[in-house]
Every structure is written in structure tokens, then in C-alpha cells.
Amino acid sequence: MAAAGRTPQMRKELTLGTGLPEETILEVVQLSDQARMSGHKRIRARLFHNAGLDTLDKIAALEPEQVRQVSIEGIPSTPKEAAHSVMLAPYLPHLVEYN
């Protein structure tokens, strides 16, 4: 889904083709983009997204302890998970364009 909704125009076309709201398409694209990180499959990607860490750039911009302090629905990352997320996020190729 990250590849199918890579650009704003592609997401608009998905909206027209599916009838889903643009916000829904964007959310699924963001979750799919995060799921490329090891350890960020369905549950962890959703928790991060709901806490406002909805892009890899937002995750990469934080220190591991900041990731742990983000309110993640009562399931904070372990120190090792947080460090892994912050370390990996900037190295993944940017597939999704947000502007």
C-alpha cells in the first residue's frame, strides 16, 4: 500500500477508485510505510501512529527516550525497541511523499 499511495496524486486516485476518504487512504499508507521497519508490524505501527508518530521522519527525529515517553496507549516501547526504531527509521528509503 505504501507504494500504491506513494504520492498525493496517487492517494487521490486511490480515493476516487475506492470511494474511501483521503484521510483513510493516507492512514493506511502511513501504517504500511511504518510496517517496513522490523518490529513495526500491525500493532506497533498502529500504536505509534495513534501517538502522533505517523511518519518515519517523525520517529527518526526523536531520541529513544522521547519515543518511550510518548503516550502509546499504555504499552510503551522497551528501551531496546525505542532505540531500534530511532536508529532504523532514517535508513529506510523514503517511499512516501507527504507534500
C-alpha atoms as a PDB file:
ATOM      1  CA  MET A   1       0.000   0.000   0.000  1.00  0.00           C
ATOM      2  CA  ALA A   2       2.927   2.362   0.667  1.00  0.00           C
ATOM      3  CA  ALA A   3       3.958   2.002  -2.976  1.00  0.00           C
ATOM      4  CA  ALA A   4       0.382   2.338  -4.298  1.00  0.00           C
ATOM      5  CA  GLY A   5      -0.161   5.579  -2.360  1.00  0.00           C
ATOM      6  CA  ARG A   6       3.340   6.968  -2.596  1.00  0.00           C
ATOM      7  CA  THR A   7       2.404  10.460  -3.798  1.00  0.00           C
ATOM      8  CA  PRO A   8      -0.503  12.791  -3.002  1.00  0.00           C
ATOM      9  CA  GLN A   9      -1.765  12.313  -6.578  1.00  0.00           C
ATOM     10  CA  MET A  10      -1.646   8.517  -6.252  1.00  0.00           C
ATOM     11  CA  ARG A  11      -3.583   8.751  -2.986  1.00  0.00           C
ATOM     12  CA  LYS A  12      -6.177  10.962  -4.661  1.00  0.00           C
ATOM     13  CA  GLU A  13      -6.560   8.371  -7.429  1.00  0.00           C
ATOM     14  CA  LEU A  14      -6.983   5.646  -4.804  1.00  0.00           C
ATOM     15  CA  THR A  15      -9.670   7.746  -3.146  1.00  0.00           C
ATOM     16  CA  LEU A  16     -11.526   8.132  -6.429  1.00  0.00           C
ATOM     17  CA  GLY A  17     -11.144   4.447  -7.264  1.00  0.00           C
ATOM     18  CA  THR A  18     -12.175   3.083  -3.884  1.00  0.00           C
ATOM     19  CA  GLY A  19     -14.568   5.702  -2.561  1.00  0.00           C
ATOM     20  CA  LEU A  20     -12.618   5.777   0.712  1.00  0.00           C
ATOM     21  CA  PRO A  21     -11.853   9.174   2.267  1.00  0.00           C
ATOM     22  CA  GLU A  22      -8.398  10.613   1.610  1.00  0.00           C
ATOM     23  CA  GLU A  23      -7.682  10.534   5.362  1.00  0.00           C
ATOM     24  CA  THR A  24      -8.274   6.768   5.417  1.00  0.00           C
ATOM     25  CA  ILE A  25      -6.031   6.189   2.408  1.00  0.00           C
ATOM     26  CA  LEU A  26      -3.282   8.318   3.985  1.00  0.00           C
ATOM     27  CA  GLU A  27      -3.552   6.453   7.285  1.00  0.00           C
ATOM     28  CA  VAL A  28      -3.227   3.053   5.589  1.00  0.00           C
ATOM     29  CA  VAL A  29      -0.262   4.314   3.556  1.00  0.00           C
ATOM     30  CA  GLN A  30       1.448   5.611   6.725  1.00  0.00           C
ATOM     31  CA  LEU A  31       0.841   2.338   8.561  1.00  0.00           C
ATOM     32  CA  SER A  32       2.169   0.376   5.596  1.00  0.00           C
ATOM     33  CA  ASP A  33       5.247   2.593   5.424  1.00  0.00           C
ATOM     34  CA  GLN A  34       5.962   2.004   9.130  1.00  0.00           C
ATOM     35  CA  ALA A  35       5.422  -1.730   8.735  1.00  0.00           C
ATOM     36  CA  ARG A  36       8.589  -1.827   6.623  1.00  0.00           C
ATOM     37  CA  MET A  37      10.539  -1.412   9.874  1.00  0.00           C
ATOM     38  CA  SER A  38      11.311  -4.652  11.636  1.00  0.00           C
ATOM     39  CA  GLY A  39       9.306  -4.774  14.838  1.00  0.00           C
ATOM     40  CA  HIS A  40       6.688  -2.329  13.494  1.00  0.00           C
ATOM     41  CA  LYS A  41       4.047  -4.605  12.182  1.00  0.00           C
ATOM     42  CA  ARG A  42       0.340  -4.178  12.751  1.00  0.00           C
ATOM     43  CA  ILE A  43       0.178  -3.465  16.492  1.00  0.00           C
ATOM     44  CA  ARG A  44       3.334  -1.375  16.957  1.00  0.00           C
ATOM     45  CA  ALA A  45       2.683   0.653  13.797  1.00  0.00           C
ATOM     46  CA  ARG A  46      -0.864   1.404  14.981  1.00  0.00           C
ATOM     47  CA  LEU A  47       0.319   2.410  18.470  1.00  0.00           C
ATOM     48  CA  PHE A  48       2.966   4.750  17.053  1.00  0.00           C
ATOM     49  CA  HIS A  49       0.508   6.212  14.536  1.00  0.00           C
ATOM     50  CA  ASN A  50      -2.104   6.867  17.211  1.00  0.00           C
ATOM     51  CA  ALA A  51       0.540   8.592  19.349  1.00  0.00           C
ATOM     52  CA  GLY A  52       1.295  11.043  16.527  1.00  0.00           C
ATOM     53  CA  LEU A  53       4.404   9.264  15.253  1.00  0.00           C
ATOM     54  CA  ASP A  54       2.798   8.661  11.878  1.00  0.00           C
ATOM     55  CA  THR A  55       5.853   9.054   9.616  1.00  0.00           C
ATOM     56  CA  LEU A  56       9.345   7.625   9.645  1.00  0.00           C
ATOM     57  CA  ASP A  57      10.755  11.161   9.741  1.00  0.00           C
ATOM     58  CA  LYS A  58       8.899  11.889  12.988  1.00  0.00           C
ATOM     59  CA  ILE A  59      10.301   8.728  14.557  1.00  0.00           C
ATOM     60  CA  ALA A  60      13.820   9.443  13.297  1.00  0.00           C
ATOM     61  CA  ALA A  61      13.737  12.973  14.735  1.00  0.00           C
ATOM     62  CA  LEU A  62      13.376  11.734  18.312  1.00  0.00           C
ATOM     63  CA  GLU A  63      15.764  10.331  20.849  1.00  0.00           C
ATOM     64  CA  PRO A  64      14.941   6.803  22.066  1.00  0.00           C
ATOM     65  CA  GLU A  65      13.826   8.080  25.475  1.00  0.00           C
ATOM     66  CA  GLN A  66      11.442  10.533  23.796  1.00  0.00           C
ATOM     67  CA  VAL A  67       9.875   7.620  21.918  1.00  0.00           C
ATOM     68  CA  ARG A  68       9.407   5.802  25.207  1.00  0.00           C
ATOM     69  CA  GLN A  69       7.766   8.857  26.783  1.00  0.00           C
ATOM     70  CA  VAL A  70       5.218   9.260  24.001  1.00  0.00           C
ATOM     71  CA  SER A  71       1.849   8.108  25.235  1.00  0.00           C
ATOM     72  CA  ILE A  72       1.459   4.840  23.393  1.00  0.00           C
ATOM     73  CA  GLU A  73      -1.830   3.573  24.867  1.00  0.00           C
ATOM     74  CA  GLY A  74      -0.195   2.141  27.965  1.00  0.00           C
ATOM     75  CA  ILE A  75       2.224  -0.046  26.010  1.00  0.00           C
ATOM     76  CA  PRO A  76       5.480   1.917  25.869  1.00  0.00           C
ATOM     77  CA  SER A  77       8.379   0.631  23.856  1.00  0.00           C
ATOM     78  CA  THR A  78      11.164  -1.055  25.725  1.00  0.00           C
ATOM     79  CA  PRO A  79      14.459   0.875  25.685  1.00  0.00           C
ATOM     80  CA  LYS A  80      15.790  -1.576  23.089  1.00  0.00           C
ATOM     81  CA  GLU A  81      12.681  -1.229  20.869  1.00  0.00           C
ATOM     82  CA  ALA A  82      12.791   2.561  21.055  1.00  0.00           C
ATOM     83  CA  ALA A  83      16.489   2.688  20.198  1.00  0.00           C
ATOM     84  CA  HIS A  84      15.947   0.275  17.299  1.00  0.00           C
ATOM     85  CA  SER A  85      13.088   2.375  15.890  1.00  0.00           C
ATOM     86  CA  VAL A  86      15.035   5.629  16.068  1.00  0.00           C
ATOM     87  CA  MET A  87      18.142   4.010  14.592  1.00  0.00           C
ATOM     88  CA  LEU A  88      16.350   2.282  11.713  1.00  0.00           C
ATOM     89  CA  ALA A  89      13.868   4.976  10.626  1.00  0.00           C
ATOM     90  CA  PRO A  90      16.330   7.320   8.891  1.00  0.00           C
ATOM     91  CA  TYR A  91      17.928   4.498   6.894  1.00  0.00           C
ATOM     92  CA  LEU A  92      14.804   3.200   5.203  1.00  0.00           C
ATOM     93  CA  PRO A  93      14.333   4.538   1.696  1.00  0.00           C
ATOM     94  CA  HIS A  94      11.734   7.289   1.539  1.00  0.00           C
ATOM     95  CA  LEU A  95       8.882   5.766  -0.432  1.00  0.00           C
ATOM     96  CA  VAL A  96       6.058   8.095   0.570  1.00  0.00           C
ATOM     97  CA  GLU A  97       5.830  11.776  -0.335  1.00  0.00           C
ATOM     98  CA  TYR A  98       3.736  13.891   2.003  1.00  0.00           C
ATOM     99  CA  ASN A  99       3.798  17.283   0.237  1.00  0.00           C
END
